[in-house]
């Protein structure tokens, strides 16, 4: 089957099988390595991408669902001001440890801040709840997101 979709702002046309996941398409066929293969059951958030601007676990999305849609990964937001503020805040607040969950957490936080530029800590917790981090205990991640809010506001 052949599908056409936008990947990080560029048109992608791929030949794939109907039961291939977006996760496998991105990692194996398109070389997008920020999308991590974790639980493969939609529980850990390591494979989070933005589908039409909303965070989804790519291990649960089948490639036929991509037709005429927009997929954004961390690679697609390299020059984005908000993502830059999030990256800087994560580094400066010690919110990155092993790094396995970081791309998914960053994309979830990005989607939250695009929708709600001034969230409360409770809203940040809710916005990143689909991402499991075994290293930081979430306090530094939440602090980093709140720091990014302040950076963008100034």
N, C-alpha and C. Protein backbone atom coordinates (compact mmCIF):
# COMPACT_ATOMS: atom_id res chain seq x y z
N UNK A 1 0.85 -1.18 0.00
CA UNK A 1 0.00 0.00 0.00
C UNK A 1 0.90 1.24 0.00
N UNK A 2 0.49 2.26 -0.73
CA UNK A 2 1.24 3.52 -0.79
C UNK A 2 0.41 4.62 -0.14
N UNK A 3 1.07 5.41 0.73
CA UNK A 3 0.38 6.52 1.38
C UNK A 3 1.21 7.79 1.24
N UNK A 4 0.53 8.90 1.42
CA UNK A 4 1.17 10.21 1.36
C UNK A 4 0.77 10.98 2.62
N UNK A 5 1.77 11.56 3.28
CA UNK A 5 1.51 12.36 4.47
C UNK A 5 2.63 13.38 4.63
N UNK A 6 2.48 14.29 5.56
CA UNK A 6 3.51 15.28 5.84
C UNK A 6 4.32 14.80 7.05
N UNK A 7 5.63 14.75 6.92
CA UNK A 7 6.52 14.40 8.02
C UNK A 7 7.44 15.57 8.27
N UNK A 8 7.28 16.17 9.41
CA UNK A 8 8.11 17.32 9.80
C UNK A 8 8.10 18.42 8.76
N UNK A 9 6.91 18.66 8.21
CA UNK A 9 6.73 19.76 7.26
C UNK A 9 7.06 19.43 5.82
N UNK A 10 7.47 18.19 5.55
CA UNK A 10 7.80 17.79 4.18
C UNK A 10 6.93 16.62 3.76
N UNK A 11 6.57 16.63 2.48
CA UNK A 11 5.73 15.55 1.97
C UNK A 11 6.50 14.23 1.96
N UNK A 12 5.86 13.19 2.46
CA UNK A 12 6.45 11.85 2.45
C UNK A 12 5.48 10.91 1.73
N UNK A 13 6.01 10.15 0.82
CA UNK A 13 5.23 9.11 0.15
C UNK A 13 5.97 7.81 0.39
N UNK A 14 5.27 6.86 0.99
CA UNK A 14 5.92 5.60 1.35
C UNK A 14 5.07 4.41 0.96
N UNK A 15 5.77 3.35 0.69
CA UNK A 15 5.15 2.05 0.46
C UNK A 15 5.26 1.30 1.77
N UNK A 16 4.15 0.79 2.26
CA UNK A 16 4.18 0.10 3.54
C UNK A 16 3.10 -0.97 3.58
N UNK A 17 3.19 -1.82 4.62
CA UNK A 17 2.15 -2.83 4.78
C UNK A 17 1.05 -2.26 5.65
N UNK A 18 -0.15 -2.77 5.51
CA UNK A 18 -1.30 -2.21 6.21
C UNK A 18 -1.23 -2.43 7.72
N UNK A 19 -0.41 -3.35 8.18
CA UNK A 19 -0.33 -3.59 9.62
C UNK A 19 0.95 -3.04 10.24
N UNK A 20 1.68 -2.20 9.51
CA UNK A 20 2.89 -1.58 10.04
C UNK A 20 2.51 -0.40 10.92
N UNK A 21 3.20 -0.26 12.04
CA UNK A 21 2.92 0.87 12.93
C UNK A 21 3.70 2.10 12.49
N UNK A 22 3.21 3.23 12.90
CA UNK A 22 3.91 4.49 12.65
C UNK A 22 5.29 4.44 13.29
N UNK A 23 5.41 3.88 14.47
CA UNK A 23 6.70 3.75 15.15
C UNK A 23 7.70 3.02 14.27
N UNK A 24 7.32 1.86 13.74
CA UNK A 24 8.24 1.10 12.90
C UNK A 24 8.54 1.81 11.59
N UNK A 25 7.55 2.46 11.01
CA UNK A 25 7.77 3.23 9.79
C UNK A 25 8.81 4.32 10.03
N UNK A 26 8.64 5.07 11.11
CA UNK A 26 9.55 6.18 11.40
C UNK A 26 10.96 5.67 11.68
N UNK A 27 11.11 4.71 12.57
CA UNK A 27 12.44 4.24 12.97
C UNK A 27 13.12 3.40 11.89
N UNK A 28 12.41 2.41 11.38
CA UNK A 28 13.04 1.44 10.50
C UNK A 28 13.12 1.91 9.05
N UNK A 29 12.08 2.55 8.56
CA UNK A 29 12.04 2.92 7.14
C UNK A 29 12.51 4.35 6.87
N UNK A 30 12.23 5.26 7.81
CA UNK A 30 12.53 6.67 7.55
C UNK A 30 13.69 7.20 8.39
N UNK A 31 14.25 6.37 9.27
CA UNK A 31 15.44 6.74 10.02
C UNK A 31 15.25 7.81 11.08
N UNK A 32 14.04 7.98 11.58
CA UNK A 32 13.76 8.96 12.62
C UNK A 32 14.04 8.30 13.96
N UNK A 33 15.15 8.65 14.58
CA UNK A 33 15.60 7.94 15.78
C UNK A 33 15.18 8.59 17.10
N UNK A 34 14.59 9.77 17.09
CA UNK A 34 14.12 10.35 18.36
C UNK A 34 12.91 9.61 18.89
N UNK A 35 12.22 8.91 18.03
CA UNK A 35 11.03 8.14 18.42
C UNK A 35 11.54 6.80 18.95
N UNK A 36 11.35 6.57 20.24
CA UNK A 36 11.92 5.38 20.90
C UNK A 36 10.92 4.24 20.97
N UNK A 37 11.45 3.03 20.84
CA UNK A 37 10.64 1.82 20.97
C UNK A 37 10.74 1.36 22.42
N UNK A 38 9.63 1.51 23.15
CA UNK A 38 9.61 1.12 24.55
C UNK A 38 8.72 -0.09 24.77
N UNK A 39 7.55 0.14 25.28
CA UNK A 39 6.64 -0.95 25.66
C UNK A 39 5.89 -1.55 24.47
N UNK A 40 5.73 -0.79 23.40
CA UNK A 40 4.95 -1.19 22.22
C UNK A 40 3.49 -1.51 22.56
N UNK A 41 3.00 -0.91 23.64
CA UNK A 41 1.61 -1.11 24.06
C UNK A 41 0.92 0.21 24.38
N UNK A 42 1.56 1.34 24.06
CA UNK A 42 0.95 2.64 24.30
C UNK A 42 0.97 3.10 25.73
N UNK A 43 1.80 2.48 26.57
CA UNK A 43 1.80 2.80 27.99
C UNK A 43 2.94 3.71 28.45
N UNK A 44 4.09 3.66 27.76
CA UNK A 44 5.27 4.36 28.28
C UNK A 44 5.48 5.76 27.72
N UNK A 45 4.98 6.04 26.52
CA UNK A 45 5.13 7.36 25.93
C UNK A 45 6.44 7.61 25.22
N UNK A 46 7.35 6.64 25.20
CA UNK A 46 8.65 6.84 24.57
C UNK A 46 8.53 7.06 23.06
N UNK A 47 7.46 6.58 22.47
CA UNK A 47 7.27 6.70 21.02
C UNK A 47 6.33 7.85 20.64
N UNK A 48 6.11 8.76 21.55
CA UNK A 48 5.17 9.87 21.30
C UNK A 48 5.63 10.74 20.13
N UNK A 49 4.67 11.03 19.26
CA UNK A 49 4.85 11.99 18.16
C UNK A 49 3.61 12.87 18.15
N UNK A 50 3.64 13.91 17.35
CA UNK A 50 2.45 14.74 17.17
C UNK A 50 1.78 14.34 15.87
N UNK A 51 0.52 14.02 15.95
CA UNK A 51 -0.28 13.69 14.77
C UNK A 51 -1.32 14.79 14.64
N UNK A 52 -1.18 15.59 13.60
CA UNK A 52 -2.03 16.78 13.43
C UNK A 52 -1.98 17.66 14.67
N UNK A 53 -0.79 17.75 15.28
CA UNK A 53 -0.57 18.64 16.42
C UNK A 53 -0.90 18.05 17.77
N UNK A 54 -1.43 16.86 17.82
CA UNK A 54 -1.82 16.22 19.09
C UNK A 54 -0.88 15.06 19.40
N UNK A 55 -0.46 14.92 20.66
CA UNK A 55 0.43 13.81 20.99
C UNK A 55 -0.28 12.46 20.91
N UNK A 56 0.40 11.49 20.28
CA UNK A 56 -0.10 10.12 20.18
C UNK A 56 1.07 9.17 20.37
N UNK A 57 0.78 7.98 20.83
CA UNK A 57 1.81 6.95 20.91
C UNK A 57 1.86 6.26 19.55
N UNK A 58 2.98 6.42 18.89
CA UNK A 58 3.10 5.95 17.51
C UNK A 58 3.08 4.42 17.39
N UNK A 59 3.28 3.72 18.50
CA UNK A 59 3.22 2.26 18.46
C UNK A 59 1.79 1.76 18.28
N UNK A 60 0.81 2.63 18.51
CA UNK A 60 -0.59 2.24 18.38
C UNK A 60 -1.27 2.80 17.13
N UNK A 61 -0.52 3.52 16.31
CA UNK A 61 -1.07 4.10 15.08
C UNK A 61 -0.61 3.25 13.91
N UNK A 62 -1.56 2.75 13.14
CA UNK A 62 -1.22 1.99 11.94
C UNK A 62 -1.01 2.96 10.78
N UNK A 63 -0.06 2.64 9.93
CA UNK A 63 0.32 3.57 8.87
C UNK A 63 -0.82 3.97 7.93
N UNK A 64 -1.82 3.12 7.63
CA UNK A 64 -2.90 3.61 6.77
C UNK A 64 -3.64 4.82 7.35
N UNK A 65 -3.56 5.01 8.66
CA UNK A 65 -4.21 6.15 9.31
C UNK A 65 -3.51 7.48 9.01
N UNK A 66 -2.36 7.44 8.39
CA UNK A 66 -1.57 8.65 8.15
C UNK A 66 -1.95 9.41 6.89
N UNK A 67 -2.70 8.79 6.02
CA UNK A 67 -3.02 9.40 4.72
C UNK A 67 -3.50 10.84 4.89
N UNK A 68 -2.78 11.77 4.23
CA UNK A 68 -3.10 13.21 4.23
C UNK A 68 -3.08 13.85 5.62
N UNK A 69 -2.25 13.32 6.51
CA UNK A 69 -2.16 13.89 7.86
C UNK A 69 -0.75 14.44 8.08
N UNK A 70 -0.56 15.10 9.23
CA UNK A 70 0.73 15.70 9.58
C UNK A 70 1.34 14.98 10.77
N UNK A 71 2.55 14.48 10.61
CA UNK A 71 3.30 13.85 11.69
C UNK A 71 4.49 14.74 12.00
N UNK A 72 4.66 15.05 13.28
CA UNK A 72 5.80 15.86 13.70
C UNK A 72 6.56 15.12 14.78
N UNK A 73 7.88 15.03 14.59
CA UNK A 73 8.76 14.44 15.58
C UNK A 73 9.66 15.54 16.12
N UNK A 74 10.48 15.20 17.06
CA UNK A 74 11.40 16.18 17.63
C UNK A 74 12.29 16.79 16.55
N UNK A 75 12.68 15.99 15.57
CA UNK A 75 13.52 16.50 14.48
C UNK A 75 12.84 17.63 13.71
N UNK A 76 11.52 17.62 13.66
CA UNK A 76 10.79 18.64 12.92
C UNK A 76 10.62 19.95 13.65
N UNK A 77 11.05 20.00 14.91
CA UNK A 77 10.88 21.21 15.71
C UNK A 77 12.22 21.81 16.13
N UNK A 78 13.27 21.47 15.40
CA UNK A 78 14.62 21.92 15.74
C UNK A 78 14.78 23.42 15.81
N UNK A 79 14.09 24.15 14.96
CA UNK A 79 14.22 25.61 14.91
C UNK A 79 13.06 26.33 15.59
N UNK A 80 12.13 25.58 16.17
CA UNK A 80 10.95 26.17 16.80
C UNK A 80 11.33 26.86 18.12
N UNK A 81 10.89 28.08 18.30
CA UNK A 81 11.24 28.87 19.49
C UNK A 81 10.74 28.22 20.78
N UNK A 82 9.51 27.75 20.79
CA UNK A 82 8.96 27.12 21.98
C UNK A 82 9.73 25.84 22.31
N UNK A 83 10.04 25.02 21.30
CA UNK A 83 10.80 23.81 21.56
C UNK A 83 12.20 24.15 22.05
N UNK A 84 12.78 25.21 21.52
CA UNK A 84 14.09 25.66 22.00
C UNK A 84 14.04 26.04 23.47
N UNK A 85 12.99 26.73 23.88
CA UNK A 85 12.84 27.10 25.29
C UNK A 85 12.67 25.86 26.15
N UNK A 86 11.90 24.89 25.67
CA UNK A 86 11.72 23.63 26.42
C UNK A 86 13.05 22.89 26.54
N UNK A 87 13.78 22.75 25.44
CA UNK A 87 15.07 22.04 25.48
C UNK A 87 16.02 22.70 26.47
N UNK A 88 16.14 24.03 26.39
CA UNK A 88 17.04 24.75 27.29
C UNK A 88 16.62 24.57 28.74
N UNK A 89 15.33 24.69 29.00
CA UNK A 89 14.83 24.54 30.37
C UNK A 89 15.05 23.12 30.89
N UNK A 90 14.88 22.12 30.03
CA UNK A 90 15.12 20.74 30.45
C UNK A 90 16.59 20.54 30.82
N UNK A 91 17.48 21.07 30.01
CA UNK A 91 18.91 20.91 30.30
C UNK A 91 19.30 21.65 31.58
N UNK A 92 18.85 22.89 31.71
CA UNK A 92 19.25 23.70 32.85
C UNK A 92 18.60 23.29 34.16
N UNK A 93 17.47 22.59 34.10
CA UNK A 93 16.78 22.15 35.31
C UNK A 93 17.06 20.69 35.65
N UNK A 94 17.96 20.06 34.93
CA UNK A 94 18.31 18.67 35.21
C UNK A 94 17.17 17.70 34.93
N UNK A 95 16.32 18.04 33.96
CA UNK A 95 15.16 17.20 33.65
C UNK A 95 15.49 16.09 32.66
N UNK A 96 16.76 16.02 32.25
CA UNK A 96 17.19 14.97 31.33
C UNK A 96 18.21 14.12 32.07
N UNK A 97 17.94 12.83 32.14
CA UNK A 97 18.90 11.93 32.76
C UNK A 97 19.36 10.93 31.71
N UNK A 98 18.70 9.80 31.61
CA UNK A 98 19.14 8.82 30.60
C UNK A 98 18.73 9.26 29.20
N UNK A 99 17.67 10.04 29.08
CA UNK A 99 17.24 10.58 27.80
C UNK A 99 16.24 9.74 27.03
N UNK A 100 15.94 8.54 27.51
CA UNK A 100 15.05 7.66 26.75
C UNK A 100 13.64 8.26 26.62
N UNK A 101 13.12 8.82 27.69
CA UNK A 101 11.76 9.38 27.67
C UNK A 101 11.72 10.80 27.13
N UNK A 102 12.87 11.46 27.06
CA UNK A 102 12.92 12.89 26.79
C UNK A 102 12.20 13.33 25.52
N UNK A 103 12.40 12.69 24.36
CA UNK A 103 11.68 13.16 23.18
C UNK A 103 10.15 13.13 23.35
N UNK A 104 9.63 12.06 23.92
CA UNK A 104 8.19 11.96 24.13
C UNK A 104 7.67 12.99 25.11
N UNK A 105 8.42 13.20 26.19
CA UNK A 105 8.02 14.20 27.19
C UNK A 105 8.06 15.59 26.57
N UNK A 106 9.13 15.89 25.82
CA UNK A 106 9.23 17.20 25.18
C UNK A 106 8.06 17.45 24.22
N UNK A 107 7.70 16.45 23.43
CA UNK A 107 6.60 16.63 22.48
C UNK A 107 5.26 16.79 23.21
N UNK A 108 5.06 16.05 24.29
CA UNK A 108 3.83 16.20 25.07
C UNK A 108 3.76 17.58 25.70
N UNK A 109 4.89 18.04 26.26
CA UNK A 109 4.93 19.38 26.86
C UNK A 109 4.72 20.45 25.79
N UNK A 110 5.32 20.27 24.63
CA UNK A 110 5.16 21.21 23.52
C UNK A 110 3.69 21.34 23.12
N UNK A 111 3.04 20.19 22.95
CA UNK A 111 1.61 20.20 22.56
C UNK A 111 0.78 20.89 23.63
N UNK A 112 1.09 20.64 24.89
CA UNK A 112 0.36 21.30 25.99
C UNK A 112 0.53 22.81 25.91
N UNK A 113 1.78 23.27 25.75
CA UNK A 113 2.04 24.71 25.74
C UNK A 113 1.50 25.40 24.49
N UNK A 114 1.40 24.68 23.39
CA UNK A 114 0.77 25.26 22.20
C UNK A 114 -0.72 25.49 22.45
N UNK A 115 -1.33 24.59 23.17
CA UNK A 115 -2.76 24.69 23.47
C UNK A 115 -3.03 25.61 24.67
N UNK A 116 -2.15 25.56 25.65
CA UNK A 116 -2.31 26.32 26.89
C UNK A 116 -0.97 26.93 27.27
N UNK A 117 -0.67 28.15 26.83
CA UNK A 117 0.65 28.75 27.05
C UNK A 117 1.00 29.05 28.50
N UNK A 118 0.01 29.06 29.39
CA UNK A 118 0.27 29.37 30.80
C UNK A 118 -0.40 28.33 31.71
N UNK A 119 0.05 27.09 31.63
CA UNK A 119 -0.59 26.05 32.45
C UNK A 119 -0.17 26.13 33.91
N UNK A 120 -0.99 25.57 34.76
CA UNK A 120 -0.63 25.39 36.16
C UNK A 120 0.22 24.12 36.27
N UNK A 121 0.84 23.91 37.43
CA UNK A 121 1.60 22.68 37.63
C UNK A 121 0.71 21.45 37.49
N UNK A 122 -0.52 21.56 37.94
CA UNK A 122 -1.47 20.45 37.81
C UNK A 122 -1.75 20.16 36.34
N UNK A 123 -1.89 21.19 35.54
CA UNK A 123 -2.13 21.00 34.11
C UNK A 123 -0.90 20.41 33.41
N UNK A 124 0.29 20.79 33.86
CA UNK A 124 1.51 20.20 33.30
C UNK A 124 1.56 18.72 33.62
N UNK A 125 1.26 18.37 34.86
CA UNK A 125 1.23 16.95 35.25
C UNK A 125 0.27 16.17 34.36
N UNK A 126 -0.89 16.73 34.13
CA UNK A 126 -1.89 16.08 33.27
C UNK A 126 -1.38 15.99 31.83
N UNK A 127 -0.71 17.04 31.36
CA UNK A 127 -0.23 17.08 29.99
C UNK A 127 0.87 16.08 29.66
N UNK A 128 1.64 15.69 30.68
CA UNK A 128 2.74 14.75 30.43
C UNK A 128 2.45 13.36 31.00
N UNK A 129 1.23 13.14 31.47
CA UNK A 129 0.93 11.91 32.19
C UNK A 129 1.10 10.62 31.38
N UNK A 130 1.11 10.67 30.09
CA UNK A 130 1.28 9.47 29.29
C UNK A 130 2.73 9.08 29.08
N UNK A 131 3.64 9.74 29.76
CA UNK A 131 5.08 9.49 29.59
C UNK A 131 5.69 8.97 30.89
N UNK A 132 6.30 7.81 30.81
CA UNK A 132 6.95 7.24 31.99
C UNK A 132 8.42 7.62 31.98
N UNK A 133 8.87 8.19 33.10
CA UNK A 133 10.28 8.52 33.30
C UNK A 133 10.75 7.77 34.53
N UNK A 134 11.74 6.94 34.37
CA UNK A 134 12.24 6.15 35.49
C UNK A 134 13.40 6.83 36.21
N UNK A 135 13.89 7.95 35.70
CA UNK A 135 15.09 8.57 36.28
C UNK A 135 14.81 9.79 37.14
N UNK A 136 13.97 10.71 36.67
CA UNK A 136 13.90 12.02 37.32
C UNK A 136 12.85 12.14 38.41
N UNK A 137 11.88 11.26 38.44
CA UNK A 137 10.81 11.39 39.42
C UNK A 137 9.84 12.50 39.07
N UNK A 138 9.92 13.08 37.90
CA UNK A 138 8.99 14.07 37.34
C UNK A 138 9.12 15.47 37.92
N UNK A 139 9.63 15.65 39.13
CA UNK A 139 9.69 16.99 39.71
C UNK A 139 10.52 17.93 38.84
N UNK A 140 11.66 17.46 38.37
CA UNK A 140 12.53 18.31 37.54
C UNK A 140 11.89 18.55 36.17
N UNK A 141 11.16 17.58 35.66
CA UNK A 141 10.47 17.75 34.38
C UNK A 141 9.40 18.82 34.50
N UNK A 142 8.60 18.75 35.54
CA UNK A 142 7.54 19.73 35.76
C UNK A 142 8.14 21.12 35.95
N UNK A 143 9.22 21.20 36.75
CA UNK A 143 9.91 22.49 36.94
C UNK A 143 10.43 23.03 35.62
N UNK A 144 10.96 22.15 34.77
CA UNK A 144 11.49 22.58 33.48
C UNK A 144 10.39 23.12 32.58
N UNK A 145 9.24 22.47 32.56
CA UNK A 145 8.12 22.95 31.74
C UNK A 145 7.66 24.32 32.24
N UNK A 146 7.57 24.47 33.55
CA UNK A 146 7.16 25.76 34.12
C UNK A 146 8.20 26.84 33.80
N UNK A 147 9.48 26.47 33.82
CA UNK A 147 10.56 27.40 33.46
C UNK A 147 10.41 27.82 31.99
N UNK A 148 10.11 26.87 31.13
CA UNK A 148 9.93 27.18 29.70
C UNK A 148 8.77 28.15 29.50
N UNK A 149 7.72 28.00 30.29
CA UNK A 149 6.58 28.92 30.22
C UNK A 149 7.06 30.34 30.48
N UNK A 150 7.89 30.49 31.50
CA UNK A 150 8.42 31.82 31.83
C UNK A 150 9.35 32.35 30.75
N UNK A 151 10.16 31.48 30.17
CA UNK A 151 11.10 31.89 29.11
C UNK A 151 10.35 32.41 27.90
N UNK A 152 9.27 31.75 27.52
CA UNK A 152 8.51 32.15 26.34
C UNK A 152 7.72 33.42 26.62
N UNK A 153 7.27 33.59 27.86
CA UNK A 153 6.49 34.77 28.23
C UNK A 153 7.33 36.04 28.21
N UNK A 154 8.63 35.89 28.46
CA UNK A 154 9.51 37.07 28.54
C UNK A 154 10.11 37.45 27.22
